[in-house]
Amino acid sequence: MSHLLPTSFTLLFEQTNHGAFIGCIEEIPELIRVKGDTFEQARRALYNELRLLFVHLPHPENIRIQTRVRLWLTRAKQARS
């Protein structure tokens, strides 16, 4: 699945017992600053890529990863302020 993601995103995947993938983002400061992207551009690009994963996740896992991603993005934005 990682071939679907842009190289600017570092995503680690672990197999869950549902056979779905949960993504974990690292290097948030680098992620947000890739190629001069603004925070909003980076956020939109990240959600667009992760949406491919959300489609295959059971509902509770879907909510869990979206919540995690929002938290990481909020922290990254605060760190840049």
PDB file of N, CA and C in Angstrom:
ATOM      1  N   MET A   1       0.812  -1.199   0.000  1.00  0.00           N
ATOM      2  CA  MET A   1       0.000   0.000   0.000  1.00  0.00           C
ATOM      3  C   MET A   1       0.851   1.256   0.000  1.00  0.00           C
ATOM      4  N   SER A   2       2.063   1.168   0.518  1.00  0.00           N
ATOM      5  CA  SER A   2       2.870   2.376   0.634  1.00  0.00           C
ATOM      6  C   SER A   2       3.191   2.996  -0.724  1.00  0.00           C
ATOM      7  N   HIS A   3       3.113   2.214  -1.805  1.00  0.00           N
ATOM      8  CA  HIS A   3       3.384   2.790  -3.119  1.00  0.00           C
ATOM      9  C   HIS A   3       2.319   3.803  -3.531  1.00  0.00           C
ATOM     10  N   LEU A   4       1.173   3.802  -2.875  1.00  0.00           N
ATOM     11  CA  LEU A   4       0.118   4.762  -3.186  1.00  0.00           C
ATOM     12  C   LEU A   4       0.355   6.116  -2.527  1.00  0.00           C
ATOM     13  N   LEU A   5       1.264   6.151  -1.564  1.00  0.00           N
ATOM     14  CA  LEU A   5       1.471   7.365  -0.786  1.00  0.00           C
ATOM     15  C   LEU A   5       2.637   8.167  -1.341  1.00  0.00           C
ATOM     16  N   PRO A   6       2.526   9.485  -1.324  1.00  0.00           N
ATOM     17  CA  PRO A   6       3.638  10.302  -1.794  1.00  0.00           C
ATOM     18  C   PRO A   6       4.847  10.117  -0.892  1.00  0.00           C
ATOM     19  N   THR A   7       6.032  10.249  -1.458  1.00  0.00           N
ATOM     20  CA  THR A   7       7.251  10.020  -0.686  1.00  0.00           C
ATOM     21  C   THR A   7       7.427  11.043   0.425  1.00  0.00           C
ATOM     22  N   SER A   8       6.696  12.153   0.370  1.00  0.00           N
ATOM     23  CA  SER A   8       6.815  13.171   1.404  1.00  0.00           C
ATOM     24  C   SER A   8       6.217  12.724   2.734  1.00  0.00           C
ATOM     25  N   PHE A   9       5.425  11.662   2.730  1.00  0.00           N
ATOM     26  CA  PHE A   9       4.793  11.190   3.956  1.00  0.00           C
ATOM     27  C   PHE A   9       5.477   9.930   4.456  1.00  0.00           C
ATOM     28  N   THR A  10       5.850   9.935   5.723  1.00  0.00           N
ATOM     29  CA  THR A  10       6.397   8.731   6.332  1.00  0.00           C
ATOM     30  C   THR A  10       5.265   8.051   7.076  1.00  0.00           C
ATOM     31  N   LEU A  11       4.779   6.968   6.529  1.00  0.00           N
ATOM     32  CA  LEU A  11       3.674   6.241   7.158  1.00  0.00           C
ATOM     33  C   LEU A  11       4.115   4.811   7.431  1.00  0.00           C
ATOM     34  N   LEU A  12       3.853   4.370   8.640  1.00  0.00           N
ATOM     35  CA  LEU A  12       4.153   2.989   8.996  1.00  0.00           C
ATOM     36  C   LEU A  12       2.830   2.251   9.125  1.00  0.00           C
ATOM     37  N   PHE A  13       2.780   1.046   8.594  1.00  0.00           N
ATOM     38  CA  PHE A  13       1.526   0.300   8.628  1.00  0.00           C
ATOM     39  C   PHE A  13       1.684  -0.971   9.451  1.00  0.00           C
ATOM     40  N   GLU A  14       0.689  -1.256  10.236  1.00  0.00           N
ATOM     41  CA  GLU A  14       0.673  -2.523  10.964  1.00  0.00           C
ATOM     42  C   GLU A  14      -0.628  -3.238  10.630  1.00  0.00           C
ATOM     43  N   GLN A  15      -0.552  -4.537  10.510  1.00  0.00           N
ATOM     44  CA  GLN A  15      -1.742  -5.330  10.191  1.00  0.00           C
ATOM     45  C   GLN A  15      -2.571  -5.492  11.468  1.00  0.00           C
ATOM     46  N   THR A  16      -3.840  -5.180  11.392  1.00  0.00           N
ATOM     47  CA  THR A  16      -4.715  -5.386  12.548  1.00  0.00           C
ATOM     48  C   THR A  16      -5.354  -6.758  12.439  1.00  0.00           C
ATOM     49  N   ASN A  17      -6.024  -7.188  13.495  1.00  0.00           N
ATOM     50  CA  ASN A  17      -6.672  -8.497  13.446  1.00  0.00           C
ATOM     51  C   ASN A  17      -7.875  -8.501  12.506  1.00  0.00           C
ATOM     52  N   HIS A  18      -8.267  -7.334  11.997  1.00  0.00           N
ATOM     53  CA  HIS A  18      -9.355  -7.267  11.014  1.00  0.00           C
ATOM     54  C   HIS A  18      -8.814  -7.363   9.589  1.00  0.00           C
ATOM     55  N   GLY A  19      -7.494  -7.403   9.456  1.00  0.00           N
ATOM     56  CA  GLY A  19      -6.894  -7.407   8.136  1.00  0.00           C
ATOM     57  C   GLY A  19      -6.827  -6.017   7.529  1.00  0.00           C
ATOM     58  N   ALA A  20      -7.120  -4.995   8.331  1.00  0.00           N
ATOM     59  CA  ALA A  20      -7.059  -3.612   7.856  1.00  0.00           C
ATOM     60  C   ALA A  20      -5.716  -3.002   8.253  1.00  0.00           C
ATOM     61  N   PHE A  21      -5.426  -1.851   7.708  1.00  0.00           N
ATOM     62  CA  PHE A  21      -4.173  -1.183   8.028  1.00  0.00           C
ATOM     63  C   PHE A  21      -4.417   0.067   8.858  1.00  0.00           C
ATOM     64  N   ILE A  22      -3.559   0.246   9.861  1.00  0.00           N
ATOM     65  CA  ILE A  22      -3.590   1.463  10.656  1.00  0.00           C
ATOM     66  C   ILE A  22      -2.291   2.201  10.359  1.00  0.00           C
ATOM     67  N   GLY A  23      -2.385   3.473  10.015  1.00  0.00           N
ATOM     68  CA  GLY A  23      -1.198   4.250   9.681  1.00  0.00           C
ATOM     69  C   GLY A  23      -0.708   5.048  10.873  1.00  0.00           C
ATOM     70  N   CYS A  24       0.579   5.179  10.952  1.00  0.00           N
ATOM     71  CA  CYS A  24       1.200   5.968  12.007  1.00  0.00           C
ATOM     72  C   CYS A  24       2.148   6.964  11.342  1.00  0.00           C
ATOM     73  N   ILE A  25       2.004   8.250  11.623  1.00  0.00           N
ATOM     74  CA  ILE A  25       2.815   9.278  10.978  1.00  0.00           C
ATOM     75  C   ILE A  25       4.002   9.633  11.857  1.00  0.00           C
ATOM     76  N   GLU A  26       5.167   9.750  11.241  1.00  0.00           N
ATOM     77  CA  GLU A  26       6.363  10.202  11.934  1.00  0.00           C
ATOM     78  C   GLU A  26       6.884  11.437  11.211  1.00  0.00           C
ATOM     79  N   GLU A  27       7.799  12.122  11.866  1.00  0.00           N
ATOM     80  CA  GLU A  27       8.482  13.268  11.262  1.00  0.00           C
ATOM     81  C   GLU A  27       7.503  14.344  10.819  1.00  0.00           C
ATOM     82  N   ILE A  28       6.574  14.681  11.699  1.00  0.00           N
ATOM     83  CA  ILE A  28       5.559  15.683  11.361  1.00  0.00           C
ATOM     84  C   ILE A  28       6.160  17.025  10.934  1.00  0.00           C
ATOM     85  N   PRO A  29       7.177  17.552  11.600  1.00  0.00           N
ATOM     86  CA  PRO A  29       7.706  18.848  11.145  1.00  0.00           C
ATOM     87  C   PRO A  29       8.161  18.810   9.687  1.00  0.00           C
ATOM     88  N   GLU A  30       8.843  17.735   9.287  1.00  0.00           N
ATOM     89  CA  GLU A  30       9.280  17.599   7.900  1.00  0.00           C
ATOM     90  C   GLU A  30       8.079  17.443   6.974  1.00  0.00           C
ATOM     91  N   LEU A  31       7.091  16.706   7.420  1.00  0.00           N
ATOM     92  CA  LEU A  31       5.879  16.491   6.625  1.00  0.00           C
ATOM     93  C   LEU A  31       5.218  17.811   6.263  1.00  0.00           C
ATOM     94  N   ILE A  32       5.071  18.670   7.249  1.00  0.00           N
ATOM     95  CA  ILE A  32       4.342  19.917   7.046  1.00  0.00           C
ATOM     96  C   ILE A  32       5.109  20.867   6.124  1.00  0.00           C
ATOM     97  N   ARG A  33       6.437  20.792   6.121  1.00  0.00           N
ATOM     98  CA  ARG A  33       7.246  21.736   5.353  1.00  0.00           C
ATOM     99  C   ARG A  33       7.685  21.219   3.984  1.00  0.00           C
ATOM    100  N   VAL A  34       7.193  20.078   3.555  1.00  0.00           N
ATOM    101  CA  VAL A  34       7.615  19.496   2.283  1.00  0.00           C
ATOM    102  C   VAL A  34       7.349  20.454   1.120  1.00  0.00           C
ATOM    103  N   LYS A  35       8.372  20.729   0.337  1.00  0.00           N
ATOM    104  CA  LYS A  35       8.252  21.512  -0.902  1.00  0.00           C
ATOM    105  C   LYS A  35       7.491  22.818  -0.706  1.00  0.00           C
ATOM    106  N   GLY A  36       7.648  23.440   0.454  1.00  0.00           N
ATOM    107  CA  GLY A  36       7.026  24.733   0.686  1.00  0.00           C
ATOM    108  C   GLY A  36       5.526  24.692   0.899  1.00  0.00           C
ATOM    109  N   ASP A  37       4.978  23.487   1.082  1.00  0.00           N
ATOM    110  CA  ASP A  37       3.538  23.385   1.328  1.00  0.00           C
ATOM    111  C   ASP A  37       3.145  24.161   2.577  1.00  0.00           C
ATOM    112  N   THR A  38       1.992  24.770   2.533  1.00  0.00           N
ATOM    113  CA  THR A  38       1.436  25.372   3.741  1.00  0.00           C
ATOM    114  C   THR A  38       0.856  24.250   4.597  1.00  0.00           C
ATOM    115  N   PHE A  39       0.506  24.571   5.822  1.00  0.00           N
ATOM    116  CA  PHE A  39      -0.101  23.569   6.698  1.00  0.00           C
ATOM    117  C   PHE A  39      -1.372  23.015   6.072  1.00  0.00           C
ATOM    118  N   GLU A  40      -2.222  23.899   5.537  1.00  0.00           N
ATOM    119  CA  GLU A  40      -3.491  23.441   4.959  1.00  0.00           C
ATOM    120  C   GLU A  40      -3.267  22.542   3.743  1.00  0.00           C
ATOM    121  N   GLN A  41      -2.277  22.868   2.910  1.00  0.00           N
ATOM    122  CA  GLN A  41      -1.982  22.018   1.752  1.00  0.00           C
ATOM    123  C   GLN A  41      -1.527  20.637   2.211  1.00  0.00           C
ATOM    124  N   ALA A  42      -0.664  20.619   3.227  1.00  0.00           N
ATOM    125  CA  ALA A  42      -0.170  19.341   3.748  1.00  0.00           C
ATOM    126  C   ALA A  42      -1.311  18.537   4.362  1.00  0.00           C
ATOM    127  N   ARG A  43      -2.192  19.227   5.085  1.00  0.00           N
ATOM    128  CA  ARG A  43      -3.324  18.551   5.722  1.00  0.00           C
ATOM    129  C   ARG A  43      -4.243  17.914   4.677  1.00  0.00           C
ATOM    130  N   ARG A  44      -4.567  18.676   3.638  1.00  0.00           N
ATOM    131  CA  ARG A  44      -5.453  18.151   2.591  1.00  0.00           C
ATOM    132  C   ARG A  44      -4.815  16.966   1.870  1.00  0.00           C
ATOM    133  N   ALA A  45      -3.543  17.085   1.552  1.00  0.00           N
ATOM    134  CA  ALA A  45      -2.854  15.996   0.852  1.00  0.00           C
ATOM    135  C   ALA A  45      -2.823  14.732   1.710  1.00  0.00           C
ATOM    136  N   LEU A  46      -2.569  14.920   2.995  1.00  0.00           N
ATOM    137  CA  LEU A  46      -2.515  13.776   3.903  1.00  0.00           C
ATOM    138  C   LEU A  46      -3.875  13.088   3.999  1.00  0.00           C
ATOM    139  N   TYR A  47      -4.931  13.854   4.175  1.00  0.00           N
ATOM    140  CA  TYR A  47      -6.265  13.257   4.260  1.00  0.00           C
ATOM    141  C   TYR A  47      -6.648  12.565   2.960  1.00  0.00           C
ATOM    142  N   ASN A  48      -6.290  13.144   1.831  1.00  0.00           N
ATOM    143  CA  ASN A  48      -6.600  12.507   0.547  1.00  0.00           C
ATOM    144  C   ASN A  48      -5.949  11.138   0.441  1.00  0.00           C
ATOM    145  N   GLU A  49      -4.692  11.032   0.898  1.00  0.00           N
ATOM    146  CA  GLU A  49      -3.994   9.752   0.837  1.00  0.00           C
ATOM    147  C   GLU A  49      -4.566   8.760   1.844  1.00  0.00           C
ATOM    148  N   LEU A  50      -4.827   9.227   3.053  1.00  0.00           N
ATOM    149  CA  LEU A  50      -5.330   8.316   4.085  1.00  0.00           C
ATOM    150  C   LEU A  50      -6.753   7.853   3.804  1.00  0.00           C
ATOM    151  N   ARG A  51      -7.493   8.627   3.024  1.00  0.00           N
ATOM    152  CA  ARG A  51      -8.858   8.223   2.667  1.00  0.00           C
ATOM    153  C   ARG A  51      -8.856   6.869   1.951  1.00  0.00           C
ATOM    154  N   LEU A  52      -7.793   6.589   1.210  1.00  0.00           N
ATOM    155  CA  LEU A  52      -7.667   5.285   0.552  1.00  0.00           C
ATOM    156  C   LEU A  52      -7.664   4.161   1.585  1.00  0.00           C
ATOM    157  N   LEU A  53      -7.072   4.432   2.738  1.00  0.00           N
ATOM    158  CA  LEU A  53      -7.031   3.430   3.794  1.00  0.00           C
ATOM    159  C   LEU A  53      -8.359   3.353   4.542  1.00  0.00           C
ATOM    160  N   PHE A  54      -8.986   4.512   4.771  1.00  0.00           N
ATOM    161  CA  PHE A  54     -10.226   4.555   5.545  1.00  0.00           C
ATOM    162  C   PHE A  54     -11.304   3.665   4.937  1.00  0.00           C
ATOM    163  N   VAL A  55     -11.349   3.601   3.624  1.00  0.00           N
ATOM    164  CA  VAL A  55     -12.374   2.828   2.921  1.00  0.00           C
ATOM    165  C   VAL A  55     -12.361   1.365   3.357  1.00  0.00           C
ATOM    166  N   HIS A  56     -11.176   0.852   3.696  1.00  0.00           N
ATOM    167  CA  HIS A  56     -11.036  -0.569   4.007  1.00  0.00           C
ATOM    168  C   HIS A  56     -11.071  -0.862   5.504  1.00  0.00           C
ATOM    169  N   LEU A  57     -11.212   0.161   6.323  1.00  0.00           N
ATOM    170  CA  LEU A  57     -11.190  -0.053   7.767  1.00  0.00           C
ATOM    171  C   LEU A  57     -12.594  -0.268   8.322  1.00  0.00           C
ATOM    172  N   PRO A  58     -12.723  -1.174   9.294  1.00  0.00           N
ATOM    173  CA  PRO A  58     -13.995  -1.283  10.006  1.00  0.00           C
ATOM    174  C   PRO A  58     -14.280   0.044  10.710  1.00  0.00           C
ATOM    175  N   HIS A  59     -15.537   0.346  10.951  1.00  0.00           N
ATOM    176  CA  HIS A  59     -15.921   1.658  11.475  1.00  0.00           C
ATOM    177  C   HIS A  59     -15.128   2.115  12.706  1.00  0.00           C
ATOM    178  N   PRO A  60     -14.985   1.308  13.770  1.00  0.00           N
ATOM    179  CA  PRO A  60     -14.239   1.792  14.950  1.00  0.00           C
ATOM    180  C   PRO A  60     -12.786   2.132  14.629  1.00  0.00           C
ATOM    181  N   GLU A  61     -12.160   1.350  13.752  1.00  0.00           N
ATOM    182  CA  GLU A  61     -10.770   1.621  13.373  1.00  0.00           C
ATOM    183  C   GLU A  61     -10.685   2.903  12.550  1.00  0.00           C
ATOM    184  N   ASN A  62     -11.658   3.119  11.691  1.00  0.00           N
ATOM    185  CA  ASN A  62     -11.721   4.323  10.873  1.00  0.00           C
ATOM    186  C   ASN A  62     -11.742   5.561  11.763  1.00  0.00           C
ATOM    187  N   ILE A  63     -12.627   5.559  12.755  1.00  0.00           N
ATOM    188  CA  ILE A  63     -12.745   6.700  13.665  1.00  0.00           C
ATOM    189  C   ILE A  63     -11.455   6.886  14.452  1.00  0.00           C
ATOM    190  N   ARG A  64     -10.859   5.786  14.885  1.00  0.00           N
ATOM    191  CA  ARG A  64      -9.638   5.860  15.691  1.00  0.00           C
ATOM    192  C   ARG A  64      -8.492   6.511  14.915  1.00  0.00           C
ATOM    193  N   ILE A  65      -8.292   6.098  13.676  1.00  0.00           N
ATOM    194  CA  ILE A  65      -7.175   6.657  12.914  1.00  0.00           C
ATOM    195  C   ILE A  65      -7.443   8.112  12.537  1.00  0.00           C
ATOM    196  N   GLN A  66      -8.684   8.462  12.219  1.00  0.00           N
ATOM    197  CA  GLN A  66      -8.981   9.855  11.891  1.00  0.00           C
ATOM    198  C   GLN A  66      -8.737  10.754  13.094  1.00  0.00           C
ATOM    199  N   THR A  67      -9.116  10.276  14.272  1.00  0.00           N
ATOM    200  CA  THR A  67      -8.891  11.047  15.493  1.00  0.00           C
ATOM    201  C   THR A  67      -7.401  11.227  15.734  1.00  0.00           C
ATOM    202  N   ARG A  68      -6.633  10.159  15.535  1.00  0.00           N
ATOM    203  CA  ARG A  68      -5.185  10.212  15.710  1.00  0.00           C
ATOM    204  C   ARG A  68      -4.542  11.227  14.761  1.00  0.00           C
ATOM    205  N   VAL A  69      -4.950  11.158  13.501  1.00  0.00           N
ATOM    206  CA  VAL A  69      -4.382  12.063  12.499  1.00  0.00           C
ATOM    207  C   VAL A  69      -4.705  13.511  12.839  1.00  0.00           C
ATOM    208  N   ARG A  70      -5.937  13.789  13.244  1.00  0.00           N
ATOM    209  CA  ARG A  70      -6.302  15.159  13.626  1.00  0.00           C
ATOM    210  C   ARG A  70      -5.445  15.646  14.789  1.00  0.00           C
ATOM    211  N   LEU A  71      -5.208  14.777  15.761  1.00  0.00           N
ATOM    212  CA  LEU A  71      -4.388  15.141  16.913  1.00  0.00           C
ATOM    213  C   LEU A  71      -2.957  15.455  16.485  1.00  0.00           C
ATOM    214  N   TRP A  72      -2.369  14.605  15.624  1.00  0.00           N
ATOM    215  CA  TRP A  72      -1.005  14.853  15.149  1.00  0.00           C
ATOM    216  C   TRP A  72      -0.914  16.166  14.385  1.00  0.00           C
ATOM    217  N   LEU A  73      -1.887  16.416  13.518  1.00  0.00           N
ATOM    218  CA  LEU A  73      -1.860  17.639  12.718  1.00  0.00           C
ATOM    219  C   LEU A  73      -2.032  18.875  13.594  1.00  0.00           C
ATOM    220  N   THR A  74      -2.879  18.776  14.610  1.00  0.00           N
ATOM    221  CA  THR A  74      -3.065  19.895  15.539  1.00  0.00           C
ATOM    222  C   THR A  74      -1.771  20.180  16.282  1.00  0.00           C
ATOM    223  N   ARG A  75      -1.108  19.136  16.762  1.00  0.00           N
ATOM    224  CA  ARG A  75       0.166  19.310  17.475  1.00  0.00           C
ATOM    225  C   ARG A  75       1.230  19.908  16.561  1.00  0.00           C
ATOM    226  N   ALA A  76       1.260  19.436  15.314  1.00  0.00           N
ATOM    227  CA  ALA A  76       2.251  19.958  14.368  1.00  0.00           C
ATOM    228  C   ALA A  76       2.010  21.437  14.100  1.00  0.00           C
ATOM    229  N   LYS A  77       0.758  21.817  13.951  1.00  0.00           N
ATOM    230  CA  LYS A  77       0.420  23.219  13.695  1.00  0.00           C
ATOM    231  C   LYS A  77       0.808  24.079  14.893  1.00  0.00           C
ATOM    232  N   GLN A  78       0.526  23.604  16.105  1.00  0.00           N
ATOM    233  CA  GLN A  78       0.883  24.345  17.316  1.00  0.00           C
ATOM    234  C   GLN A  78       2.396  24.487  17.440  1.00  0.00           C
ATOM    235  N   ALA A  79       3.128  23.448  17.068  1.00  0.00           N
ATOM    236  CA  ALA A  79       4.592  23.484  17.158  1.00  0.00           C
ATOM    237  C   ALA A  79       5.184  24.516  16.208  1.00  0.00           C
ATOM    238  N   ARG A  80       4.506  24.762  15.102  1.00  0.00           N
ATOM    239  CA  ARG A  80       5.002  25.730  14.119  1.00  0.00           C
ATOM    240  C   ARG A  80       4.608  27.151  14.466  1.00  0.00           C
ATOM    241  N   SER A  81       3.632  27.328  15.358  1.00  0.00           N
ATOM    242  CA  SER A  81       3.134  28.672  15.709  1.00  0.00           C
ATOM    243  C   SER A  81       4.112  29.385  16.623  1.00  0.00           C
TER     244      SER A  81
END
